[in-house]
Structures are given as structure tokens and as C-alpha cells.
Amino acid sequence: MSLPPAVSFGTSGLRGLSDGFTRDVVFAHIGAFLETACADARSKEVLIGRDLRASSPQIAALVGGALLALGWKPVNAGTLPTPALAAHALNRGIPAVMVTGSHIPPDYNGLKFYRPDGELLKSDEEPIKAAAKMLFKAVPDFDPFLPQQEPTAQAEYEARYTGAFSSDALAGLKIAVFEHSTVGRGILLRVLEALGASCTGVGRSEIFVAVDTEAIEPSAMAEIHAALASGPFDAVVSMDGDGDRPLLVDATGLQISGDVLGALTARFLAARAVVTPLTSTSAMEESGWFETISRTRIGSPYVVEEMTRLGTDRVVGFEANGGFLLESDFELGLGSLKRLPTRDALLPIIAVLAEAAARGVSVGDLVSELPVRIMKADRLKDVQPEDAKQLVEALARSAELRASFHESLAEPRAIDTTDGTRLITVRGDVVHFRRSGNAPELRCYVETGSTQATQAMLSAMMAKLTTHLNGRGTR
């Protein structure tokens, strides 16, 4: 089988230009997923969810038709956050397929697969590719199909939080919800209000716009700052397109990075062990808050695998984007949060706001309790994967090239090529270059001891990356 050039299979499923999701591609990969990763399903049902992209209903109908042709029953969960779909599928012990391109451009889309026991693992990828290659040779005729929507997954996800937190957990807080086109906007508003917050929706868009919570576009940030200026809000909150990455901006207009949200959430839960990729803030080690901190490559499958290894005694994970995973059940004041080993945006938003409300402090006050390590990230779009790969590898081997980016990178204290090229300078600053695994993008992460230094270094790195990729080569 040869996939369309615009579609690739990787972490968690398929991703690419929406018109690459043809009947044959969808059938072959749905069939391969079910054949190789779903033998333990409790029934031959598959949940289908989708985000708010224009192409998502059509692709979801292809998924439903393919399932029927393969002898499985499609269950239409409708438009809902990815973690809501995953939680419901896990509770029922059945597979799930989320049609979403997450935070990437509107003309892209994807299929994210969930096994009956949780996220797709890295070890599932090659068997699925091999099985899809065989199925692609004999794709039957089938019609697109989606049954009537079942609202159970959405309701269950809302109840997960309204049942675990008290109805006054957020009492006294005034929150602006940046709705844009995130599929979680309705749930976010309803849950925060059910927990006692006074909420105002802002920035709603009926056309899909890509919001990357790790690298907010200036136009989106301008909308957020305008919302803060329009009234006395304690915070602005939001999610990315499929609702598995949080966004929280405090009352001063400062975005709280996802890894800081993750650290604060883990502390709120009194977690014993934390699993997070190497891009997350090193302030966690300096804080002394946790018994165990395990670092992984970037990608939730790596976090899931390490959490599984650590067991179920108060084990959590999160990525630098703030998506939070629970390997354990956690008892809260009112109820319990059940295990959900996939990225979730709603928990870190609620946890940080709830702690601020309970202690009568601002979100900024909570952040200040961590040692000061400021991580920021940005990315270049529309970068050919091979160009990104060559540049990242060249930065690892060439002191001359590194020096052209910044003198402190010429002879760093350490060079880590576990996932891209991660440089630690003599003074302890971190500059990490890596190409995205699911989009034509090149990312840069910078961590220093101050906001100003981090932003200055990040701006310098992005300018240098742009220069090199626009004609000067990778040497």
C-alpha cells in the first residue's frame, strides 16, 4: 500500500491533509487497527467522535461505513473532546476512533485510535501498518454511514468532574472562556459554572481556526487580552481543537505554560510519581514536591508506557502542552477521579483554579511557588520533514552551526539527541530543537531562569531557524 503523500501514520493514528482520507485509506487503517489492537474488546462496537473541522463529518461517516463493512457496529458519540471519547470507551472496554486534526491547520485532519484498554502504543504502529497494507489490496464497496448520535459520552465526561469536585469549588471566580472552535467549549462552560464559577464566553468562531496552546497566534492572544480588559476576570481558559490540551491565562495576561499547569495539578492531587517528557520544566526536580519524576521522549504513548511501568500508586503524567494523564484513581473531597491514561485538558484547568479559590490566592501566586524556570515554545509551519530533520541533526554535530545561532550553544554542557537536539548550556539554559511527529512543523523549546531571557532566546532561535530554512541551508 502507498499512502497519499499528504497522509502519514504515526503516533496515535493517521494525520494529514483532509482530502487524503479516502475510502480506501480509511477502510484499510480502521480494519488494521481492529485486527491488530482490539482483540480484547468486550463487544464489536466502536465509538466514533469528531472535532469541529469542516471535513470531520465526512471522514466520520467513512469511518462508520468502514466499520459496518468490517462487521463492527459504529456508535456515534458526536462532537466532543477526545478525552471524553476515550474515557467512555475505556469504561465500556471497546475501541474508539476520534476524527480530529487537533491543533494543526484547518485543511488537515486525522484519525486517532483508542484500544479497548486505552491509548494506542508505539508497539502497535508497525503491526497496524503491515495489516493496512494487506487490507488495502481488497477494499470492498461501502457507503458512508453514521448512526444517530448518542449523548452518553459527553454527559459521562461532565459528570466525571461535577461528581468529584464540590459545587462551590470555584465559587467567587470570574472566568472568561475563550471558545474559538474548540470542541470542548460547551462542556468547559457548563462544568466550570456547575462548580461555582461565573463564566463569560468570548472569541467564539463558527469557522474552524487552529489554536495551538503551546504557540498561540498573536491574533488569538490579542482576543484573550481584550477579554481580560473587558471585565474583572481571574483567568481566561480554553482548550485546543479536540480538547486535550489546556490553555490558562492569568489575570495579568500571562499564559501559564502547560508543564507548569501539569506540575501544579500533580501537587493538587498529591501525586507520588510524575511522568513527563524531557521538554517539561526542570523546576519539578528543584521543587521537591514529588517522590519520583520520570522523563520520556515526547509523545503521550511514551508517557503511557512509563506510567504503566510505575504502577497505580498515585501515578500521573503530563506533557509540556499540559495534557494530563491519570494512571491511578484519585480520591477528592467529594468523590473520586477514575483512571484516565490519555491527555485531558479539563482536569488541569479545574485543579489549578480550585486550589487558587480554596486558598484565596491568584493563579500567579500558585505559579510563584515553583522554582523559577521559564519554558516557552514556538514553531515554524510548512517545513518539509526532511529539511527539519537535516537541520536538527546538523545542530547536534556542528559547533560552528550552533555558534551561528548563539554563542552559548557552541560548546554546551550537554547534547541530548533522544528526541531532536536538546542543548543545555554551561549556565543551565535549555534550547531544544525537534521536528513535529504529526505536522509539517519545526519546533523550538527554550528554558531559562527568567521570562525575558527565555523570550529573547526563543525569538533569536526562531529568527535563525527562519533564515537557515529560507535559503542558507543546514551545513
Protein backbone atom coordinates (compact mmCIF):
# COMPACT_ATOMS: atom_id res chain seq x y z
CA MET A 1 0.00 0.00 0.00
CA SER A 2 1.15 3.51 -0.74
CA LEU A 3 -0.48 6.21 1.34
CA PRO A 4 -1.33 9.51 -0.36
CA PRO A 5 1.67 11.86 0.04
CA ALA A 6 -0.40 14.14 2.25
CA VAL A 7 -1.24 11.43 4.84
CA SER A 8 1.08 9.64 7.27
CA PHE A 9 0.67 7.09 10.04
CA GLY A 10 2.42 7.75 13.31
CA THR A 11 1.76 8.47 16.98
CA SER A 12 -1.83 7.50 17.86
CA GLY A 13 -3.04 7.21 14.25
CA LEU A 14 -3.28 8.96 10.89
CA ARG A 15 -2.67 12.63 10.22
CA GLY A 16 -2.57 14.67 7.03
CA LEU A 17 -4.46 16.79 4.53
CA SER A 18 -8.17 16.11 4.81
CA ASP A 19 -8.59 15.11 1.17
CA GLY A 20 -6.09 12.30 1.74
CA PHE A 21 -8.63 10.44 3.89
CA THR A 22 -10.09 8.45 1.03
CA ARG A 23 -12.43 5.49 1.30
CA ASP A 24 -9.54 3.05 0.77
CA VAL A 25 -7.21 4.71 3.30
CA VAL A 26 -9.91 4.84 5.97
CA PHE A 27 -11.05 1.25 5.45
CA ALA A 28 -7.54 -0.21 5.43
CA HIS A 29 -6.43 1.55 8.62
CA ILE A 30 -9.68 1.03 10.55
CA GLY A 31 -9.55 -2.64 9.66
CA ALA A 32 -5.88 -2.93 10.58
CA PHE A 33 -6.45 -1.20 13.92
CA LEU A 34 -9.31 -3.54 14.82
CA GLU A 35 -7.42 -6.62 13.66
CA THR A 36 -4.16 -5.96 15.49
CA ALA A 37 -5.06 -3.92 18.61
CA CYS A 38 -8.64 -4.73 19.60
CA ALA A 39 -8.78 -8.46 20.30
CA ASP A 40 -9.79 -7.78 23.92
CA ALA A 41 -12.82 -5.61 23.10
CA ARG A 42 -15.85 -6.53 25.21
CA SER A 43 -18.15 -6.18 22.22
CA LYS A 44 -17.91 -5.48 18.50
CA GLU A 45 -18.81 -1.82 18.96
CA VAL A 46 -16.60 1.18 18.14
CA LEU A 47 -17.17 4.72 19.42
CA ILE A 48 -16.72 7.49 16.86
CA GLY A 49 -16.12 11.10 17.89
CA ARG A 50 -15.12 14.18 15.95
CA ASP A 51 -13.97 17.78 16.29
CA LEU A 52 -15.49 20.86 14.62
CA ARG A 53 -13.44 20.89 11.40
CA ALA A 54 -15.41 21.18 8.18
CA SER A 55 -14.07 17.83 6.94
CA SER A 56 -14.74 15.87 10.13
CA PRO A 57 -18.38 14.81 9.49
CA GLN A 58 -17.50 13.36 6.09
CA ILE A 59 -14.49 11.45 7.43
CA ALA A 60 -16.50 10.23 10.44
CA ALA A 61 -19.13 8.85 8.03
CA LEU A 62 -16.40 6.99 6.15
CA VAL A 63 -15.25 5.51 9.46
CA GLY A 64 -18.81 4.41 10.24
CA GLY A 65 -19.28 2.85 6.81
CA ALA A 66 -15.95 1.05 7.05
CA LEU A 67 -16.90 -0.37 10.45
CA LEU A 68 -20.13 -1.80 9.09
CA ALA A 69 -18.28 -3.32 6.16
CA LEU A 70 -15.84 -4.91 8.62
CA GLY A 71 -18.64 -6.41 10.73
CA TRP A 72 -18.44 -3.94 13.62
CA LYS A 73 -21.14 -1.62 14.98
CA PRO A 74 -20.41 2.12 14.84
CA VAL A 75 -21.57 4.17 17.84
CA ASN A 76 -21.77 7.89 17.11
CA ALA A 77 -20.61 9.93 20.11
CA GLY A 78 -20.86 13.16 18.09
CA THR A 79 -18.71 16.25 18.62
CA LEU A 80 -16.88 16.03 21.93
CA PRO A 81 -13.39 16.32 23.43
CA THR A 82 -11.00 13.47 22.74
CA PRO A 83 -10.63 12.60 26.47
CA ALA A 84 -14.42 12.37 26.78
CA LEU A 85 -14.49 9.82 23.97
CA ALA A 86 -11.52 7.94 25.42
CA ALA A 87 -13.00 7.81 28.93
CA HIS A 88 -16.31 6.42 27.71
CA ALA A 89 -14.62 3.83 25.51
CA LEU A 90 -12.37 2.75 28.39
CA ASN A 91 -15.37 2.37 30.71
CA ARG A 92 -17.12 0.16 28.14
CA GLY A 93 -14.00 -1.77 27.17
CA ILE A 94 -14.42 -1.04 23.46
CA PRO A 95 -12.30 0.70 20.80
CA ALA A 96 -12.75 4.32 19.76
CA VAL A 97 -11.80 6.47 16.79
CA MET A 98 -11.55 10.25 17.09
CA VAL A 99 -11.69 12.25 13.87
CA THR A 100 -9.51 15.24 14.63
CA GLY A 101 -6.55 17.22 13.41
CA SER A 102 -6.07 18.62 16.91
CA HIS A 103 -4.29 21.99 16.65
CA ILE A 104 -2.92 21.77 13.10
CA PRO A 105 -4.24 23.84 10.14
CA PRO A 106 -7.92 23.63 9.13
CA ASP A 107 -7.27 21.82 5.85
CA TYR A 108 -5.68 18.92 7.77
CA ASN A 109 -7.40 16.18 9.75
CA GLY A 110 -6.65 12.88 11.40
CA LEU A 111 -7.84 9.62 12.90
CA LYS A 112 -6.81 8.96 16.49
CA PHE A 113 -7.22 5.36 17.62
CA TYR A 114 -8.02 4.10 21.11
CA ARG A 115 -7.67 0.47 22.08
CA PRO A 116 -10.25 -1.09 24.43
CA ASP A 117 -7.72 -0.60 27.26
CA GLY A 118 -6.58 2.92 26.36
CA GLU A 119 -4.19 4.76 24.06
CA LEU A 120 -2.52 3.23 21.07
CA LEU A 121 1.04 2.22 21.96
CA LYS A 122 4.22 2.66 19.94
CA SER A 123 4.40 -1.12 19.64
CA ASP A 124 1.03 -1.09 17.83
CA GLU A 125 2.23 1.09 14.97
CA GLU A 126 4.17 -1.37 12.82
CA PRO A 127 1.57 -4.18 13.04
CA ILE A 128 -1.14 -1.72 12.01
CA LYS A 129 0.93 -0.51 9.06
CA ALA A 130 1.56 -4.08 7.91
CA ALA A 131 -2.08 -5.12 8.26
CA ALA A 132 -3.28 -1.97 6.48
CA LYS A 133 -1.01 -2.77 3.55
CA MET A 134 -2.76 -6.13 3.13
CA LEU A 135 -6.29 -4.75 3.57
CA PHE A 136 -5.63 -2.00 1.05
CA LYS A 137 -5.47 -4.67 -1.68
CA ALA A 138 -9.14 -5.62 -1.35
CA VAL A 139 -11.29 -2.72 -0.20
CA PRO A 140 -14.99 -3.52 -0.66
CA ASP A 141 -17.64 -1.09 -1.82
CA PHE A 142 -19.36 0.56 1.14
CA ASP A 143 -21.43 3.64 1.79
CA PRO A 144 -20.56 6.32 4.34
CA PHE A 145 -22.72 5.93 7.42
CA LEU A 146 -23.21 7.48 10.85
CA PRO A 147 -25.99 6.34 13.20
CA GLN A 148 -27.96 8.72 15.38
CA GLN A 149 -25.82 10.43 17.97
CA GLU A 150 -25.68 9.02 21.49
CA PRO A 151 -25.06 11.73 24.13
CA THR A 152 -23.85 9.36 26.87
CA ALA A 153 -20.12 10.03 26.46
CA GLN A 154 -20.50 13.80 26.81
CA ALA A 155 -22.76 13.51 29.84
CA GLU A 156 -20.45 10.98 31.50
CA TYR A 157 -17.44 13.25 30.99
CA GLU A 158 -19.17 16.24 32.57
CA ALA A 159 -20.31 14.07 35.48
CA ARG A 160 -16.72 12.90 35.96
CA TYR A 161 -15.86 16.39 37.23
CA THR A 162 -19.12 17.60 38.71
CA GLY A 163 -19.19 14.38 40.73
CA ALA A 164 -15.62 14.65 42.00
CA PHE A 165 -15.46 18.38 42.86
CA SER A 166 -17.88 20.26 45.08
CA SER A 167 -20.41 22.65 43.58
CA ASP A 168 -18.60 25.57 45.23
CA ALA A 169 -15.05 24.51 44.31
CA LEU A 170 -14.71 27.55 42.03
CA ALA A 171 -17.06 29.87 43.90
CA GLY A 172 -16.12 33.52 43.65
CA LEU A 173 -14.05 33.14 40.48
CA LYS A 174 -14.87 35.07 37.33
CA ILE A 175 -13.62 33.21 34.29
CA ALA A 176 -13.57 34.12 30.60
CA VAL A 177 -13.80 31.04 28.37
CA PHE A 178 -12.06 31.55 25.02
CA GLU A 179 -14.38 29.43 22.92
CA HIS A 180 -12.89 29.81 19.41
CA SER A 181 -13.64 26.49 17.64
CA THR A 182 -12.60 24.02 20.33
CA VAL A 183 -14.96 21.09 20.50
CA GLY A 184 -14.83 21.35 24.30
CA ARG A 185 -16.20 24.89 24.57
CA GLY A 186 -19.71 23.93 25.70
CA ILE A 187 -18.51 21.37 28.21
CA LEU A 188 -15.92 23.78 29.58
CA LEU A 189 -18.52 26.48 30.21
CA ARG A 190 -21.04 24.10 31.75
CA VAL A 191 -18.61 22.33 34.07
CA LEU A 192 -16.93 25.49 35.37
CA GLU A 193 -20.32 27.05 36.07
CA ALA A 194 -21.54 23.84 37.76
CA LEU A 195 -18.53 24.13 40.09
CA GLY A 196 -19.46 27.67 41.11
CA ALA A 197 -17.53 29.92 38.70
CA SER A 198 -19.10 32.86 36.91
CA CYS A 199 -18.23 32.35 33.24
CA THR A 200 -18.35 34.50 30.12
CA GLY A 201 -17.78 33.07 26.68
CA VAL A 202 -15.53 35.09 24.35
CA GLY A 203 -13.99 34.69 20.91
CA ARG A 204 -16.42 32.10 19.56
CA SER A 205 -15.87 31.12 15.91
CA GLU A 206 -18.21 29.12 13.72
CA ILE A 207 -15.36 28.52 11.28
CA PHE A 208 -12.58 26.20 12.45
CA VAL A 209 -9.41 28.03 13.48
CA ALA A 210 -6.27 26.20 14.55
CA VAL A 211 -5.26 27.17 18.09
CA ASP A 212 -2.01 25.65 19.30
CA THR A 213 -1.94 26.12 23.06
CA GLU A 214 1.88 25.83 23.05
CA ALA A 215 2.34 28.60 20.49
CA ILE A 216 -0.64 30.96 20.49
CA GLU A 217 -1.01 33.10 17.39
CA PRO A 218 -0.77 36.85 18.11
CA SER A 219 -4.33 37.36 16.85
CA ALA A 220 -5.70 34.79 19.31
CA MET A 221 -3.68 36.23 22.19
CA ALA A 222 -4.99 39.69 21.30
CA GLU A 223 -8.54 38.36 21.70
CA ILE A 224 -7.64 36.92 25.09
CA HIS A 225 -6.09 40.18 26.29
CA ALA A 226 -9.12 42.10 25.02
CA ALA A 227 -11.34 39.79 27.08
CA LEU A 228 -9.27 40.45 30.20
CA ALA A 229 -9.55 44.18 29.59
CA SER A 230 -13.33 43.97 29.20
CA GLY A 231 -14.03 42.95 32.75
CA PRO A 232 -12.51 41.85 36.06
CA PHE A 233 -11.62 38.23 35.27
CA ASP A 234 -9.47 35.95 37.40
CA ALA A 235 -8.36 33.97 34.35
CA VAL A 236 -9.05 33.13 30.72
CA VAL A 237 -9.25 29.41 29.93
CA SER A 238 -9.55 27.37 26.77
CA MET A 239 -8.50 24.16 25.00
CA ASP A 240 -7.08 23.20 21.63
CA GLY A 241 -9.29 21.95 18.81
CA ASP A 242 -10.03 18.49 20.21
CA GLY A 243 -9.98 19.44 23.89
CA ASP A 244 -6.96 17.53 25.16
CA ARG A 245 -4.54 20.46 25.69
CA PRO A 246 -5.39 23.22 28.18
CA LEU A 247 -4.89 26.95 27.98
CA LEU A 248 -4.88 29.17 31.07
CA VAL A 249 -4.02 32.87 31.09
CA ASP A 250 -3.92 34.59 34.48
CA ALA A 251 -5.46 37.93 35.40
CA THR A 252 -2.32 39.80 34.39
CA GLY A 253 -2.39 38.40 30.86
CA LEU A 254 0.40 35.87 31.40
CA GLN A 255 -0.11 32.44 29.83
CA ILE A 256 0.74 29.65 32.27
CA SER A 257 2.75 27.06 30.38
CA GLY A 258 1.38 23.55 30.13
CA ASP A 259 4.17 21.93 32.11
CA VAL A 260 3.64 24.35 34.99
CA LEU A 261 -0.09 23.55 34.91
CA GLY A 262 0.88 19.89 34.99
CA ALA A 263 3.17 20.32 37.99
CA LEU A 264 0.53 22.29 39.91
CA THR A 265 -2.12 19.69 39.08
CA ALA A 266 0.11 16.84 40.20
CA ARG A 267 0.70 18.66 43.50
CA PHE A 268 -3.04 19.30 43.91
CA LEU A 269 -3.63 15.54 43.57
CA ALA A 270 -0.75 14.71 45.95
CA ALA A 271 0.77 12.51 43.27
CA ARG A 272 3.65 10.25 44.29
CA ALA A 273 5.16 9.71 40.84
CA VAL A 274 5.12 12.02 37.82
CA VAL A 275 5.95 11.00 34.25
CA THR A 276 6.65 13.74 31.73
CA PRO A 277 8.74 14.26 28.59
CA LEU A 278 12.16 15.85 28.71
CA THR A 279 10.74 19.16 27.43
CA SER A 280 8.82 19.83 30.65
CA THR A 281 10.19 22.31 33.17
CA SER A 282 13.15 21.28 35.30
CA ALA A 283 11.51 23.22 38.15
CA MET A 284 9.79 19.95 39.10
CA GLU A 285 13.05 18.39 40.23
CA GLU A 286 14.00 21.57 42.05
CA SER A 287 10.63 21.79 43.81
CA GLY A 288 10.98 18.59 45.83
CA TRP A 289 7.21 18.05 45.55
CA PHE A 290 7.34 14.53 44.17
CA GLU A 291 8.91 11.26 45.22
CA THR A 292 9.62 10.14 41.65
CA ILE A 293 9.96 12.03 38.36
CA SER A 294 10.48 10.01 35.19
CA ARG A 295 11.42 11.68 31.91
CA THR A 296 10.47 10.28 28.49
CA ARG A 297 10.61 11.08 24.82
CA ILE A 298 7.95 13.49 23.56
CA GLY A 299 4.60 11.86 22.88
CA SER A 300 1.82 10.55 25.06
CA PRO A 301 2.48 6.87 24.15
CA TYR A 302 5.88 7.14 25.83
CA VAL A 303 4.28 8.72 28.89
CA VAL A 304 1.63 5.98 28.99
CA GLU A 305 4.21 3.21 28.77
CA GLU A 306 6.27 4.67 31.61
CA MET A 307 3.21 5.23 33.81
CA THR A 308 2.26 1.59 33.30
CA ARG A 309 5.74 0.54 34.40
CA LEU A 310 5.46 2.60 37.59
CA GLY A 311 2.14 1.06 38.65
CA THR A 312 -1.02 2.57 40.10
CA ASP A 313 0.07 4.12 43.40
CA ARG A 314 -0.74 7.82 42.83
CA VAL A 315 0.91 7.90 39.41
CA VAL A 316 0.21 10.73 36.95
CA GLY A 317 1.68 12.02 33.73
CA PHE A 318 1.57 15.13 31.63
CA GLU A 319 3.14 16.59 28.55
CA ALA A 320 4.66 20.05 28.12
CA ASN A 321 1.42 21.03 26.37
CA GLY A 322 -0.42 20.47 29.67
CA GLY A 323 -2.45 17.43 28.63
CA PHE A 324 -2.82 15.49 31.89
CA LEU A 325 -2.99 11.70 32.30
CA LEU A 326 -4.09 9.61 35.29
CA GLU A 327 -2.70 6.13 35.75
CA SER A 328 -4.34 5.87 39.19
CA ASP A 329 -7.71 6.58 40.72
CA PHE A 330 -7.60 9.66 42.96
CA GLU A 331 -9.92 10.37 45.86
CA LEU A 332 -11.00 14.00 46.18
CA GLY A 333 -13.15 15.70 48.80
CA LEU A 334 -16.47 14.90 47.17
CA GLY A 335 -15.75 11.85 45.04
CA SER A 336 -13.10 10.10 43.02
CA LEU A 337 -11.44 10.67 39.68
CA LYS A 338 -11.12 7.39 37.85
CA ARG A 339 -8.03 6.37 35.93
CA LEU A 340 -7.81 8.05 32.52
CA PRO A 341 -4.44 7.41 30.85
CA THR A 342 -4.86 9.86 27.98
CA ARG A 343 -4.35 13.61 27.64
CA ASP A 344 -7.07 15.65 29.30
CA ALA A 345 -7.38 19.44 29.31
CA LEU A 346 -10.26 19.87 31.74
CA LEU A 347 -8.59 18.44 34.86
CA PRO A 348 -5.59 20.83 34.96
CA ILE A 349 -7.87 23.83 34.39
CA ILE A 350 -10.18 22.84 37.24
CA ALA A 351 -7.41 21.74 39.62
CA VAL A 352 -5.40 24.96 39.37
CA LEU A 353 -8.47 27.19 39.64
CA ALA A 354 -9.84 25.13 42.55
CA GLU A 355 -6.61 25.40 44.52
CA ALA A 356 -6.46 29.15 43.90
CA ALA A 357 -10.07 29.53 45.08
CA ALA A 358 -9.60 27.32 48.15
CA ARG A 359 -6.51 29.19 49.30
CA GLY A 360 -7.79 32.64 48.37
CA VAL A 361 -4.79 33.37 46.15
CA SER A 362 -4.31 34.17 42.49
CA VAL A 363 -3.18 31.73 39.82
CA GLY A 364 0.02 33.75 39.61
CA ASP A 365 0.62 33.18 43.33
CA LEU A 366 0.43 29.41 42.79
CA VAL A 367 2.89 29.59 39.92
CA SER A 368 5.34 31.57 42.05
CA GLU A 369 5.61 28.62 44.44
CA LEU A 370 7.56 26.70 41.82
CA PRO A 371 11.26 27.47 41.38
CA VAL A 372 11.63 29.99 38.57
CA ARG A 373 12.27 28.14 35.34
CA ILE A 374 10.53 29.66 32.34
CA MET A 375 9.85 27.42 29.35
CA LYS A 376 8.42 28.76 26.10
CA ALA A 377 7.99 27.15 22.71
CA ASP A 378 7.31 28.25 19.16
CA ARG A 379 7.23 26.58 15.77
CA LEU A 380 7.75 27.20 12.08
CA LYS A 381 4.90 25.97 9.91
CA ASP A 382 5.08 24.37 6.48
CA VAL A 383 8.59 23.00 6.95
CA GLN A 384 9.38 19.92 4.88
CA PRO A 385 10.13 16.99 7.24
CA GLU A 386 13.46 16.23 5.56
CA ASP A 387 14.58 19.87 5.80
CA ALA A 388 13.70 19.90 9.50
CA LYS A 389 15.46 16.59 10.08
CA GLN A 390 18.66 17.75 8.40
CA LEU A 391 18.82 21.00 10.34
CA VAL A 392 18.12 19.37 13.71
CA GLU A 393 20.79 16.73 13.11
CA ALA A 394 23.27 19.35 11.92
CA LEU A 395 22.77 21.32 15.13
CA ALA A 396 23.77 18.25 17.12
CA ARG A 397 27.05 17.69 15.28
CA SER A 398 28.24 21.16 14.26
CA ALA A 399 29.67 23.56 16.85
CA GLU A 400 30.05 26.14 14.07
CA LEU A 401 26.36 25.97 13.20
CA ARG A 402 25.36 26.15 16.87
CA ALA A 403 27.57 29.20 17.37
CA SER A 404 25.82 30.92 14.46
CA PHE A 405 22.57 30.52 16.39
CA HIS A 406 24.01 31.71 19.73
CA GLU A 407 27.49 31.74 21.22
CA SER A 408 26.32 29.88 24.35
CA LEU A 409 25.30 26.90 22.20
CA ALA A 410 28.71 26.36 20.62
CA GLU A 411 30.09 24.29 23.50
CA PRO A 412 27.11 23.27 25.63
CA ARG A 413 27.28 21.35 28.88
CA ALA A 414 25.24 18.53 27.31
CA ILE A 415 23.73 17.50 23.96
CA ASP A 416 20.77 15.11 24.15
CA THR A 417 19.52 13.57 20.89
CA THR A 418 16.87 11.34 22.45
CA ASP A 419 14.18 13.35 20.68
CA GLY A 420 15.58 16.02 18.38
CA THR A 421 18.57 18.03 19.60
CA ARG A 422 18.40 19.29 23.18
CA LEU A 423 21.23 21.58 24.26
CA ILE A 424 21.99 22.52 27.88
CA THR A 425 24.31 25.50 28.16
CA VAL A 426 27.03 25.95 30.75
CA ARG A 427 24.72 28.22 32.79
CA GLY A 428 21.89 25.66 32.68
CA ASP A 429 19.68 27.18 29.98
CA VAL A 430 17.95 24.72 27.66
CA VAL A 431 17.39 25.06 23.90
CA HIS A 432 15.66 22.13 22.25
CA PHE A 433 15.00 21.72 18.52
CA ARG A 434 12.75 18.98 17.17
CA ARG A 435 10.54 18.34 14.19
CA SER A 436 6.89 17.60 14.82
CA GLY A 437 5.85 13.99 14.50
CA ASN A 438 2.39 14.78 13.17
CA ALA A 439 2.60 18.06 11.26
CA PRO A 440 4.97 19.80 8.80
CA GLU A 441 6.46 21.92 11.58
CA LEU A 442 9.78 22.54 13.29
CA ARG A 443 9.54 23.29 17.00
CA CYS A 444 11.88 25.09 19.35
CA TYR A 445 11.69 24.97 23.16
CA VAL A 446 13.69 27.33 25.38
CA GLU A 447 14.03 27.28 29.18
CA THR A 448 15.91 29.83 31.27
CA GLY A 449 15.60 31.45 34.68
CA SER A 450 13.53 34.45 33.54
CA THR A 451 10.68 35.30 31.21
CA GLN A 452 12.70 37.99 29.48
CA ALA A 453 15.72 35.77 28.85
CA THR A 454 13.56 32.92 27.61
CA GLN A 455 11.61 35.13 25.22
CA ALA A 456 14.78 36.79 23.94
CA MET A 457 16.48 33.47 23.30
CA LEU A 458 13.35 31.97 21.71
CA SER A 459 12.93 34.97 19.41
CA ALA A 460 16.59 34.72 18.41
CA MET A 461 16.28 30.98 17.72
CA MET A 462 13.13 31.39 15.62
CA ALA A 463 14.78 34.13 13.57
CA LYS A 464 17.83 31.93 12.96
CA LEU A 465 15.70 28.93 12.05
CA THR A 466 13.77 31.02 9.55
CA THR A 467 16.98 32.31 7.98
CA HIS A 468 18.52 28.86 7.59
CA LEU A 469 15.39 27.25 6.21
CA ASN A 470 14.80 30.08 3.75
CA GLY A 471 17.91 29.55 1.74
CA ARG A 472 21.09 29.29 3.74
CA GLY A 473 20.96 25.52 4.11
CA THR A 474 21.82 23.33 7.09
CA ARG A 475 25.57 22.90 6.67
